[in-house]
Amino acid sequence: MTQKIKVLNHLKKRNITTFQAFSLYQITCLAERIRDLKEDGHKITMEWGKSGDKRFAIYHLVKTAPTKKPQ
């Protein structure tokens, strides 16, 4: 399973952070996988979270891309 599919499947259930992506799937550059998913037509938003003095991105899936019909 590709990293992009792992992230999409995770987002279908709940939001994801960079720390979660690394801890669960060993994905070191979540922002690139999010960009790939957006290019595929998925609507994903990002908000900033904070823990102590650290800020981090939290990604949310708003809408999945329409499935492409085989020709």
Protein backbone atom coordinates (compact mmCIF):
# COMPACT_ATOMS: atom_id res chain seq x y z
CA MET A 1 0.00 0.00 0.00
CA THR A 2 1.39 3.42 -0.92
CA GLN A 3 1.93 6.18 1.60
CA LYS A 4 -0.73 8.23 -0.16
CA ILE A 5 -3.33 5.48 0.27
CA LYS A 6 -2.35 4.98 3.93
CA VAL A 7 -2.86 8.69 4.61
CA LEU A 8 -6.17 8.77 2.74
CA ASN A 9 -7.49 5.74 4.62
CA HIS A 10 -6.45 7.35 7.91
CA LEU A 11 -8.13 10.64 6.98
CA LYS A 12 -11.38 8.83 6.14
CA LYS A 13 -11.57 7.83 9.83
CA ARG A 14 -10.01 10.83 11.64
CA ASN A 15 -7.60 13.73 11.29
CA ILE A 16 -3.82 13.26 11.10
CA THR A 17 -0.72 15.11 12.25
CA THR A 18 2.89 14.81 11.13
CA PHE A 19 3.75 13.00 14.36
CA GLN A 20 0.97 10.45 13.80
CA ALA A 21 2.00 9.91 10.17
CA PHE A 22 5.54 9.16 11.26
CA SER A 23 4.62 7.07 14.31
CA LEU A 24 2.01 4.95 12.54
CA TYR A 25 3.28 4.76 8.95
CA GLN A 26 6.92 5.99 9.00
CA ILE A 27 5.92 8.85 6.65
CA THR A 28 8.48 11.62 7.06
CA CYS A 29 6.92 14.24 4.77
CA LEU A 30 3.18 14.28 5.34
CA ALA A 31 2.78 17.65 3.58
CA GLU A 32 3.87 16.08 0.28
CA ARG A 33 1.38 13.22 0.62
CA ILE A 34 -1.35 15.76 1.40
CA ARG A 35 -0.35 17.71 -1.71
CA ASP A 36 -0.56 14.51 -3.79
CA LEU A 37 -4.05 13.81 -2.43
CA LYS A 38 -5.18 17.37 -3.19
CA GLU A 39 -3.85 17.01 -6.74
CA ASP A 40 -6.02 13.89 -7.04
CA GLY A 41 -9.04 16.05 -6.19
CA HIS A 42 -9.51 15.37 -2.47
CA LYS A 43 -10.53 18.38 -0.35
CA ILE A 44 -8.29 18.53 2.71
CA THR A 45 -8.00 21.39 5.17
CA MET A 46 -5.28 22.20 7.67
CA GLU A 47 -5.39 23.93 11.02
CA TRP A 48 -2.65 24.66 13.53
CA GLY A 49 -2.54 22.81 16.82
CA LYS A 50 -0.37 23.70 19.78
CA SER A 51 1.28 21.70 22.54
CA GLY A 52 3.25 23.83 24.96
CA ASP A 53 5.35 26.13 22.79
CA LYS A 54 5.26 23.76 19.77
CA ARG A 55 2.90 24.26 16.83
CA PHE A 56 1.91 21.49 14.43
CA ALA A 57 -0.39 20.98 11.45
CA ILE A 58 -3.60 18.97 11.77
CA TYR A 59 -5.08 17.79 8.47
CA HIS A 60 -8.79 17.03 7.96
CA LEU A 61 -10.48 15.34 5.02
CA VAL A 62 -13.48 17.42 3.95
CA LYS A 63 -14.49 15.55 0.81
CA THR A 64 -13.04 12.67 -1.18
CA ALA A 65 -12.47 13.02 -4.90
CA PRO A 66 -15.04 11.45 -7.20
CA THR A 67 -13.96 7.98 -8.30
CA LYS A 68 -12.88 7.70 -11.90
CA LYS A 69 -14.81 5.26 -14.04
CA PRO A 70 -12.74 2.78 -16.03
CA GLN A 71 -12.96 3.32 -19.77
